[in-house]
Amino acid sequence: MRIRAKRFDYDSLPLAEVAERYRKGTSWRELARVYGCPDHKTLAAKVKELFPDLAVRNHAEAQRARREREGAKARRSAGEKANSRVNWWR
C-alpha cells in the first residue's frame, strides 16, 4: 500500500539535513527515495518553505552537479568529436 503525499508527514523529516544534501548536489528525486517520501515535488516545496534562501538548481545545473558528483567527464564539443572520427570514405 502506497502512502499518499497528503498523508505523509514531511515535517518529521530532518529537513536541515535534506537541505544540506541538496546543496551538495543530491537531486530532489534521490532525496525523496532515500527518505521514503512519496513525492519529490512536495519534499522540495517543504524544504524551500523552511529555507527560503536555498539556491534551487535548474535542470542544466542539476545535471552538472550530478556529473561532478559521479565523476563523469564533461561533454565534448562537436568539433572535438569530428576531429576524433575516422573518415571511412577516404
PDB file of N, CA and C in Angstrom:
ATOM      1  N   MET A   1       0.837  -1.173   0.000  1.00  0.00           N
ATOM      2  CA  MET A   1       0.000   0.000   0.000  1.00  0.00           C
ATOM      3  C   MET A   1       0.885   1.241   0.000  1.00  0.00           C
ATOM      4  N   ARG A   2       0.635   2.135  -0.917  1.00  0.00           N
ATOM      5  CA  ARG A   2       1.435   3.345  -1.046  1.00  0.00           C
ATOM      6  C   ARG A   2       0.905   4.439  -0.129  1.00  0.00           C
ATOM      7  N   ILE A   3       1.810   5.191   0.437  1.00  0.00           N
ATOM      8  CA  ILE A   3       1.423   6.329   1.265  1.00  0.00           C
ATOM      9  C   ILE A   3       1.237   7.530   0.345  1.00  0.00           C
ATOM     10  N   ARG A   4       0.119   8.167   0.473  1.00  0.00           N
ATOM     11  CA  ARG A   4      -0.141   9.340  -0.351  1.00  0.00           C
ATOM     12  C   ARG A   4       0.577  10.548   0.221  1.00  0.00           C
ATOM     13  N   ALA A   5       0.874  11.508  -0.661  1.00  0.00           N
ATOM     14  CA  ALA A   5       1.618  12.696  -0.257  1.00  0.00           C
ATOM     15  C   ALA A   5       0.873  13.485   0.813  1.00  0.00           C
ATOM     16  N   LYS A   6      -0.448  13.495   0.769  1.00  0.00           N
ATOM     17  CA  LYS A   6      -1.217  14.253   1.753  1.00  0.00           C
ATOM     18  C   LYS A   6      -1.129  13.623   3.140  1.00  0.00           C
ATOM     19  N   ARG A   7      -0.916  12.328   3.207  1.00  0.00           N
ATOM     20  CA  ARG A   7      -0.859  11.623   4.485  1.00  0.00           C
ATOM     21  C   ARG A   7       0.559  11.525   5.044  1.00  0.00           C
ATOM     22  N   PHE A   8       1.548  11.730   4.217  1.00  0.00           N
ATOM     23  CA  PHE A   8       2.935  11.599   4.640  1.00  0.00           C
ATOM     24  C   PHE A   8       3.332  12.806   5.487  1.00  0.00           C
ATOM     25  N   ASP A   9       4.027  12.570   6.579  1.00  0.00           N
ATOM     26  CA  ASP A   9       4.431  13.642   7.493  1.00  0.00           C
ATOM     27  C   ASP A   9       5.826  14.152   7.114  1.00  0.00           C
ATOM     28  N   TYR A  10       5.854  15.165   6.243  1.00  0.00           N
ATOM     29  CA  TYR A  10       7.122  15.748   5.805  1.00  0.00           C
ATOM     30  C   TYR A  10       7.814  16.505   6.936  1.00  0.00           C
ATOM     31  N   ASP A  11       7.040  17.011   7.896  1.00  0.00           N
ATOM     32  CA  ASP A  11       7.621  17.782   8.993  1.00  0.00           C
ATOM     33  C   ASP A  11       8.438  16.924   9.946  1.00  0.00           C
ATOM     34  N   SER A  12       8.258  15.618   9.912  1.00  0.00           N
ATOM     35  CA  SER A  12       9.029  14.735  10.792  1.00  0.00           C
ATOM     36  C   SER A  12      10.412  14.427  10.209  1.00  0.00           C
ATOM     37  N   LEU A  13      10.647  14.813   8.965  1.00  0.00           N
ATOM     38  CA  LEU A  13      11.944  14.559   8.330  1.00  0.00           C
ATOM     39  C   LEU A  13      12.983  15.564   8.822  1.00  0.00           C
ATOM     40  N   PRO A  14      14.260  15.194   8.793  1.00  0.00           N
ATOM     41  CA  PRO A  14      15.321  16.148   9.143  1.00  0.00           C
ATOM     42  C   PRO A  14      15.552  17.097   7.955  1.00  0.00           C
ATOM     43  N   LEU A  15      14.716  18.118   7.837  1.00  0.00           N
ATOM     44  CA  LEU A  15      14.737  18.984   6.658  1.00  0.00           C
ATOM     45  C   LEU A  15      16.041  19.770   6.534  1.00  0.00           C
ATOM     46  N   ALA A  16      16.702  20.073   7.642  1.00  0.00           N
ATOM     47  CA  ALA A  16      18.003  20.749   7.568  1.00  0.00           C
ATOM     48  C   ALA A  16      19.028  19.832   6.894  1.00  0.00           C
ATOM     49  N   GLU A  17      18.974  18.549   7.227  1.00  0.00           N
ATOM     50  CA  GLU A  17      19.866  17.569   6.605  1.00  0.00           C
ATOM     51  C   GLU A  17      19.540  17.405   5.119  1.00  0.00           C
ATOM     52  N   VAL A  18      18.260  17.402   4.798  1.00  0.00           N
ATOM     53  CA  VAL A  18      17.828  17.300   3.403  1.00  0.00           C
ATOM     54  C   VAL A  18      18.352  18.498   2.613  1.00  0.00           C
ATOM     55  N   ALA A  19      18.220  19.700   3.180  1.00  0.00           N
ATOM     56  CA  ALA A  19      18.690  20.913   2.506  1.00  0.00           C
ATOM     57  C   ALA A  19      20.199  20.864   2.295  1.00  0.00           C
ATOM     58  N   GLU A  20      20.920  20.381   3.281  1.00  0.00           N
ATOM     59  CA  GLU A  20      22.385  20.285   3.166  1.00  0.00           C
ATOM     60  C   GLU A  20      22.784  19.292   2.085  1.00  0.00           C
ATOM     61  N   ARG A  21      22.112  18.167   2.021  1.00  0.00           N
ATOM     62  CA  ARG A  21      22.407  17.175   0.972  1.00  0.00           C
ATOM     63  C   ARG A  21      22.060  17.727  -0.407  1.00  0.00           C
ATOM     64  N   TYR A  22      20.979  18.522  -0.492  1.00  0.00           N
ATOM     65  CA  TYR A  22      20.620  19.140  -1.768  1.00  0.00           C
ATOM     66  C   TYR A  22      21.706  20.141  -2.183  1.00  0.00           C
ATOM     67  N   ARG A  23      22.225  20.908  -1.229  1.00  0.00           N
ATOM     68  CA  ARG A  23      23.300  21.869  -1.540  1.00  0.00           C
ATOM     69  C   ARG A  23      24.542  21.162  -2.065  1.00  0.00           C
ATOM     70  N   LYS A  24      24.765  19.939  -1.622  1.00  0.00           N
ATOM     71  CA  LYS A  24      25.936  19.173  -2.056  1.00  0.00           C
ATOM     72  C   LYS A  24      25.727  18.490  -3.406  1.00  0.00           C
ATOM     73  N   GLY A  25      24.525  18.616  -3.980  1.00  0.00           N
ATOM     74  CA  GLY A  25      24.305  18.107  -5.332  1.00  0.00           C
ATOM     75  C   GLY A  25      23.339  16.952  -5.475  1.00  0.00           C
ATOM     76  N   THR A  26      22.766  16.454  -4.398  1.00  0.00           N
ATOM     77  CA  THR A  26      21.803  15.356  -4.493  1.00  0.00           C
ATOM     78  C   THR A  26      20.483  15.892  -5.049  1.00  0.00           C
ATOM     79  N   SER A  27      19.858  15.148  -5.931  1.00  0.00           N
ATOM     80  CA  SER A  27      18.609  15.600  -6.561  1.00  0.00           C
ATOM     81  C   SER A  27      17.434  15.427  -5.618  1.00  0.00           C
ATOM     82  N   TRP A  28      16.348  16.131  -5.928  1.00  0.00           N
ATOM     83  CA  TRP A  28      15.124  16.011  -5.124  1.00  0.00           C
ATOM     84  C   TRP A  28      14.588  14.589  -5.205  1.00  0.00           C
ATOM     85  N   ARG A  29      14.656  13.978  -6.371  1.00  0.00           N
ATOM     86  CA  ARG A  29      14.141  12.611  -6.522  1.00  0.00           C
ATOM     87  C   ARG A  29      14.936  11.620  -5.683  1.00  0.00           C
ATOM     88  N   GLU A  30      16.255  11.782  -5.685  1.00  0.00           N
ATOM     89  CA  GLU A  30      17.091  10.896  -4.888  1.00  0.00           C
ATOM     90  C   GLU A  30      16.817  11.100  -3.404  1.00  0.00           C
ATOM     91  N   LEU A  31      16.668  12.352  -2.982  1.00  0.00           N
ATOM     92  CA  LEU A  31      16.373  12.636  -1.582  1.00  0.00           C
ATOM     93  C   LEU A  31      15.028  12.039  -1.174  1.00  0.00           C
ATOM     94  N   ALA A  32      14.043  12.151  -2.046  1.00  0.00           N
ATOM     95  CA  ALA A  32      12.726  11.572  -1.745  1.00  0.00           C
ATOM     96  C   ALA A  32      12.815  10.054  -1.617  1.00  0.00           C
ATOM     97  N   ARG A  33      13.617   9.440  -2.469  1.00  0.00           N
ATOM     98  CA  ARG A  33      13.786   7.985  -2.396  1.00  0.00           C
ATOM     99  C   ARG A  33      14.482   7.584  -1.099  1.00  0.00           C
ATOM    100  N   VAL A  34      15.535   8.300  -0.726  1.00  0.00           N
ATOM    101  CA  VAL A  34      16.300   7.977   0.477  1.00  0.00           C
ATOM    102  C   VAL A  34      15.444   8.123   1.732  1.00  0.00           C
ATOM    103  N   TYR A  35      14.652   9.174   1.794  1.00  0.00           N
ATOM    104  CA  TYR A  35      13.854   9.434   2.989  1.00  0.00           C
ATOM    105  C   TYR A  35      12.455   8.819   2.941  1.00  0.00           C
ATOM    106  N   GLY A  36      12.147   8.094   1.873  1.00  0.00           N
ATOM    107  CA  GLY A  36      10.877   7.391   1.786  1.00  0.00           C
ATOM    108  C   GLY A  36       9.681   8.272   1.496  1.00  0.00           C
ATOM    109  N   CYS A  37       9.900   9.400   0.846  1.00  0.00           N
ATOM    110  CA  CYS A  37       8.808  10.329   0.535  1.00  0.00           C
ATOM    111  C   CYS A  37       8.065   9.859  -0.720  1.00  0.00           C
ATOM    112  N   PRO A  38       6.753  10.007  -0.750  1.00  0.00           N
ATOM    113  CA  PRO A  38       6.002   9.592  -1.923  1.00  0.00           C
ATOM    114  C   PRO A  38       6.099  10.589  -3.083  1.00  0.00           C
ATOM    115  N   ASP A  39       6.538  11.833  -2.811  1.00  0.00           N
ATOM    116  CA  ASP A  39       6.537  12.857  -3.851  1.00  0.00           C
ATOM    117  C   ASP A  39       7.740  13.779  -3.678  1.00  0.00           C
ATOM    118  N   HIS A  40       8.596  13.848  -4.693  1.00  0.00           N
ATOM    119  CA  HIS A  40       9.782  14.702  -4.588  1.00  0.00           C
ATOM    120  C   HIS A  40       9.438  16.186  -4.688  1.00  0.00           C
ATOM    121  N   LYS A  41       8.370  16.522  -5.376  1.00  0.00           N
ATOM    122  CA  LYS A  41       7.990  17.932  -5.518  1.00  0.00           C
ATOM    123  C   LYS A  41       7.475  18.507  -4.197  1.00  0.00           C
ATOM    124  N   THR A  42       6.734  17.718  -3.449  1.00  0.00           N
ATOM    125  CA  THR A  42       6.257  18.170  -2.146  1.00  0.00           C
ATOM    126  C   THR A  42       7.428  18.307  -1.184  1.00  0.00           C
ATOM    127  N   LEU A  43       8.372  17.381  -1.248  1.00  0.00           N
ATOM    128  CA  LEU A  43       9.574  17.476  -0.420  1.00  0.00           C
ATOM    129  C   LEU A  43      10.325  18.764  -0.733  1.00  0.00           C
ATOM    130  N   ALA A  44      10.490  19.073  -2.009  1.00  0.00           N
ATOM    131  CA  ALA A  44      11.184  20.293  -2.415  1.00  0.00           C
ATOM    132  C   ALA A  44      10.445  21.530  -1.910  1.00  0.00           C
ATOM    133  N   ALA A  45       9.135  21.525  -2.006  1.00  0.00           N
ATOM    134  CA  ALA A  45       8.347  22.666  -1.540  1.00  0.00           C
ATOM    135  C   ALA A  45       8.488  22.864  -0.037  1.00  0.00           C
ATOM    136  N   LYS A  46       8.479  21.777   0.724  1.00  0.00           N
ATOM    137  CA  LYS A  46       8.625  21.867   2.182  1.00  0.00           C
ATOM    138  C   LYS A  46      10.000  22.420   2.565  1.00  0.00           C
ATOM    139  N   VAL A  47      11.042  21.943   1.894  1.00  0.00           N
ATOM    140  CA  VAL A  47      12.396  22.408   2.201  1.00  0.00           C
ATOM    141  C   VAL A  47      12.561  23.866   1.798  1.00  0.00           C
ATOM    142  N   LYS A  48      12.038  24.242   0.625  1.00  0.00           N
ATOM    143  CA  LYS A  48      12.143  25.636   0.180  1.00  0.00           C
ATOM    144  C   LYS A  48      11.342  26.563   1.087  1.00  0.00           C
ATOM    145  N   GLU A  49      10.254  26.071   1.628  1.00  0.00           N
ATOM    146  CA  GLU A  49       9.432  26.860   2.556  1.00  0.00           C
ATOM    147  C   GLU A  49      10.206  27.130   3.853  1.00  0.00           C
ATOM    148  N   LEU A  50      10.916  26.128   4.330  1.00  0.00           N
ATOM    149  CA  LEU A  50      11.679  26.263   5.571  1.00  0.00           C
ATOM    150  C   LEU A  50      12.985  27.041   5.361  1.00  0.00           C
ATOM    151  N   PHE A  51      13.596  26.878   4.187  1.00  0.00           N
ATOM    152  CA  PHE A  51      14.856  27.555   3.854  1.00  0.00           C
ATOM    153  C   PHE A  51      14.652  28.405   2.595  1.00  0.00           C
ATOM    154  N   PRO A  52      14.065  29.608   2.724  1.00  0.00           N
ATOM    155  CA  PRO A  52      13.776  30.423   1.534  1.00  0.00           C
ATOM    156  C   PRO A  52      15.032  30.899   0.796  1.00  0.00           C
ATOM    157  N   ASP A  53      16.189  30.903   1.465  1.00  0.00           N
ATOM    158  CA  ASP A  53      17.423  31.337   0.822  1.00  0.00           C
ATOM    159  C   ASP A  53      18.136  30.211   0.068  1.00  0.00           C
ATOM    160  N   LEU A  54      17.558  29.025   0.041  1.00  0.00           N
ATOM    161  CA  LEU A  54      18.152  27.873  -0.636  1.00  0.00           C
ATOM    162  C   LEU A  54      18.198  28.131  -2.138  1.00  0.00           C
ATOM    163  N   ALA A  55      19.380  28.026  -2.713  1.00  0.00           N
ATOM    164  CA  ALA A  55      19.536  28.218  -4.158  1.00  0.00           C
ATOM    165  C   ALA A  55      19.076  26.950  -4.870  1.00  0.00           C
ATOM    166  N   VAL A  56      17.996  27.063  -5.633  1.00  0.00           N
ATOM    167  CA  VAL A  56      17.428  25.915  -6.331  1.00  0.00           C
ATOM    168  C   VAL A  56      18.021  25.843  -7.728  1.00  0.00           C
ATOM    169  N   ARG A  57      18.484  24.660  -8.093  1.00  0.00           N
ATOM    170  CA  ARG A  57      19.128  24.461  -9.394  1.00  0.00           C
ATOM    171  C   ARG A  57      18.096  24.256 -10.496  1.00  0.00           C
ATOM    172  N   ASN A  58      18.436  24.732 -11.693  1.00  0.00           N
ATOM    173  CA  ASN A  58      17.622  24.394 -12.855  1.00  0.00           C
ATOM    174  C   ASN A  58      18.130  23.057 -13.409  1.00  0.00           C
ATOM    175  N   HIS A  59      17.555  22.585 -14.476  1.00  0.00           N
ATOM    176  CA  HIS A  59      17.893  21.256 -14.985  1.00  0.00           C
ATOM    177  C   HIS A  59      19.368  21.147 -15.377  1.00  0.00           C
ATOM    178  N   ALA A  60      19.886  22.153 -16.073  1.00  0.00           N
ATOM    179  CA  ALA A  60      21.281  22.106 -16.523  1.00  0.00           C
ATOM    180  C   ALA A  60      22.241  22.097 -15.329  1.00  0.00           C
ATOM    181  N   GLU A  61      21.955  22.920 -14.339  1.00  0.00           N
ATOM    182  CA  GLU A  61      22.803  22.947 -13.147  1.00  0.00           C
ATOM    183  C   GLU A  61      22.732  21.625 -12.389  1.00  0.00           C
ATOM    184  N   ALA A  62      21.553  21.027 -12.358  1.00  0.00           N
ATOM    185  CA  ALA A  62      21.391  19.738 -11.683  1.00  0.00           C
ATOM    186  C   ALA A  62      22.197  18.658 -12.397  1.00  0.00           C
ATOM    187  N   GLN A  63      22.206  18.685 -13.727  1.00  0.00           N
ATOM    188  CA  GLN A  63      22.984  17.706 -14.491  1.00  0.00           C
ATOM    189  C   GLN A  63      24.472  17.877 -14.242  1.00  0.00           C
ATOM    190  N   ARG A  64      24.943  19.125 -14.202  1.00  0.00           N
ATOM    191  CA  ARG A  64      26.355  19.382 -13.924  1.00  0.00           C
ATOM    192  C   ARG A  64      26.729  18.876 -12.521  1.00  0.00           C
ATOM    193  N   ALA A  65      25.865  19.126 -11.552  1.00  0.00           N
ATOM    194  CA  ALA A  65      26.125  18.667 -10.183  1.00  0.00           C
ATOM    195  C   ALA A  65      26.170  17.141 -10.131  1.00  0.00           C
ATOM    196  N   ARG A  66      25.258  16.486 -10.848  1.00  0.00           N
ATOM    197  CA  ARG A  66      25.245  15.023 -10.870  1.00  0.00           C
ATOM    198  C   ARG A  66      26.511  14.482 -11.509  1.00  0.00           C
ATOM    199  N   ARG A  67      26.922  15.064 -12.639  1.00  0.00           N
ATOM    200  CA  ARG A  67      28.138  14.591 -13.314  1.00  0.00           C
ATOM    201  C   ARG A  67      29.373  14.802 -12.442  1.00  0.00           C
ATOM    202  N   GLU A  68      29.418  15.939 -11.758  1.00  0.00           N
ATOM    203  CA  GLU A  68      30.547  16.213 -10.875  1.00  0.00           C
ATOM    204  C   GLU A  68      30.582  15.222  -9.710  1.00  0.00           C
ATOM    205  N   ARG A  69      29.418  14.938  -9.154  1.00  0.00           N
ATOM    206  CA  ARG A  69      29.332  14.008  -8.030  1.00  0.00           C
ATOM    207  C   ARG A  69      29.726  12.599  -8.466  1.00  0.00           C
ATOM    208  N   GLU A  70      29.326  12.208  -9.689  1.00  0.00           N
ATOM    209  CA  GLU A  70      29.624  10.867 -10.179  1.00  0.00           C
ATOM    210  C   GLU A  70      31.012  10.760 -10.798  1.00  0.00           C
ATOM    211  N   GLY A  71      31.656  11.898 -11.005  1.00  0.00           N
ATOM    212  CA  GLY A  71      32.978  11.883 -11.605  1.00  0.00           C
ATOM    213  C   GLY A  71      32.945  11.666 -13.107  1.00  0.00           C
ATOM    214  N   ALA A  72      31.818  11.938 -13.732  1.00  0.00           N
ATOM    215  CA  ALA A  72      31.703  11.760 -15.182  1.00  0.00           C
ATOM    216  C   ALA A  72      32.448  12.878 -15.899  1.00  0.00           C
ATOM    217  N   LYS A  73      32.911  12.587 -17.083  1.00  0.00           N
ATOM    218  CA  LYS A  73      33.621  13.578 -17.872  1.00  0.00           C
ATOM    219  C   LYS A  73      32.641  14.626 -18.394  1.00  0.00           C
ATOM    220  N   ALA A  74      33.154  15.807 -18.631  1.00  0.00           N
ATOM    221  CA  ALA A  74      32.336  16.859 -19.225  1.00  0.00           C
ATOM    222  C   ALA A  74      32.035  16.482 -20.669  1.00  0.00           C
ATOM    223  N   ARG A  75      30.952  17.001 -21.180  1.00  0.00           N
ATOM    224  CA  ARG A  75      30.583  16.699 -22.564  1.00  0.00           C
ATOM    225  C   ARG A  75      31.606  17.296 -23.509  1.00  0.00           C
ATOM    226  N   ARG A  76      31.869  16.573 -24.574  1.00  0.00           N
ATOM    227  CA  ARG A  76      32.801  17.074 -25.575  1.00  0.00           C
ATOM    228  C   ARG A  76      32.048  17.939 -26.569  1.00  0.00           C
ATOM    229  N   SER A  77      32.728  18.901 -27.129  1.00  0.00           N
ATOM    230  CA  SER A  77      32.095  19.742 -28.136  1.00  0.00           C
ATOM    231  C   SER A  77      32.011  18.973 -29.456  1.00  0.00           C
ATOM    232  N   ALA A  78      31.198  19.468 -30.367  1.00  0.00           N
ATOM    233  CA  ALA A  78      31.014  18.801 -31.660  1.00  0.00           C
ATOM    234  C   ALA A  78      32.314  18.795 -32.452  1.00  0.00           C
ATOM    235  N   GLY A  79      33.109  19.849 -32.338  1.00  0.00           N
ATOM    236  CA  GLY A  79      34.386  19.919 -33.050  1.00  0.00           C
ATOM    237  C   GLY A  79      35.349  18.845 -32.608  1.00  0.00           C
ATOM    238  N   GLU A  80      35.393  18.567 -31.320  1.00  0.00           N
ATOM    239  CA  GLU A  80      36.268  17.514 -30.814  1.00  0.00           C
ATOM    240  C   GLU A  80      35.826  16.155 -31.328  1.00  0.00           C
ATOM    241  N   LYS A  81      34.532  15.946 -31.419  1.00  0.00           N
ATOM    242  CA  LYS A  81      34.021  14.667 -31.926  1.00  0.00           C
ATOM    243  C   LYS A  81      34.381  14.494 -33.396  1.00  0.00           C
ATOM    244  N   ALA A  82      34.259  15.583 -34.185  1.00  0.00           N
ATOM    245  CA  ALA A  82      34.549  15.498 -35.611  1.00  0.00           C
ATOM    246  C   ALA A  82      36.027  15.197 -35.846  1.00  0.00           C
ATOM    247  N   ASN A  83      36.895  15.774 -35.047  1.00  0.00           N
ATOM    248  CA  ASN A  83      38.327  15.544 -35.222  1.00  0.00           C
ATOM    249  C   ASN A  83      38.734  14.132 -34.814  1.00  0.00           C
ATOM    250  N   SER A  84      38.009  13.530 -33.929  1.00  0.00           N
ATOM    251  CA  SER A  84      38.390  12.196 -33.457  1.00  0.00           C
ATOM    252  C   SER A  84      37.834  11.078 -34.341  1.00  0.00           C
ATOM    253  N   ARG A  85      36.891  11.416 -35.219  1.00  0.00           N
ATOM    254  CA  ARG A  85      36.319  10.377 -36.099  1.00  0.00           C
ATOM    255  C   ARG A  85      37.220  10.083 -37.281  1.00  0.00           C
ATOM    256  N   VAL A  86      37.180   8.849 -37.720  1.00  0.00           N
ATOM    257  CA  VAL A  86      37.930   8.445 -38.899  1.00  0.00           C
ATOM    258  C   VAL A  86      37.042   8.609 -40.116  1.00  0.00           C
ATOM    259  N   ASN A  87      37.569   9.187 -41.151  1.00  0.00           N
ATOM    260  CA  ASN A  87      36.802   9.339 -42.382  1.00  0.00           C
ATOM    261  C   ASN A  87      36.830   8.011 -43.130  1.00  0.00           C
ATOM    262  N   TRP A  88      35.759   7.266 -43.096  1.00  0.00           N
ATOM    263  CA  TRP A  88      35.721   5.933 -43.666  1.00  0.00           C
ATOM    264  C   TRP A  88      35.668   5.951 -45.201  1.00  0.00           C
ATOM    265  N   TRP A  89      35.304   7.088 -45.783  1.00  0.00           N
ATOM    266  CA  TRP A  89      35.170   7.114 -47.244  1.00  0.00           C
ATOM    267  C   TRP A  89      36.487   7.443 -47.927  1.00  0.00           C
ATOM    268  N   ARG A  90      37.534   7.754 -47.197  1.00  0.00           N
ATOM    269  CA  ARG A  90      38.828   8.092 -47.827  1.00  0.00           C
ATOM    270  C   ARG A  90      39.764   6.943 -47.772  1.00  0.00           C
TER     271      ARG A  90
END
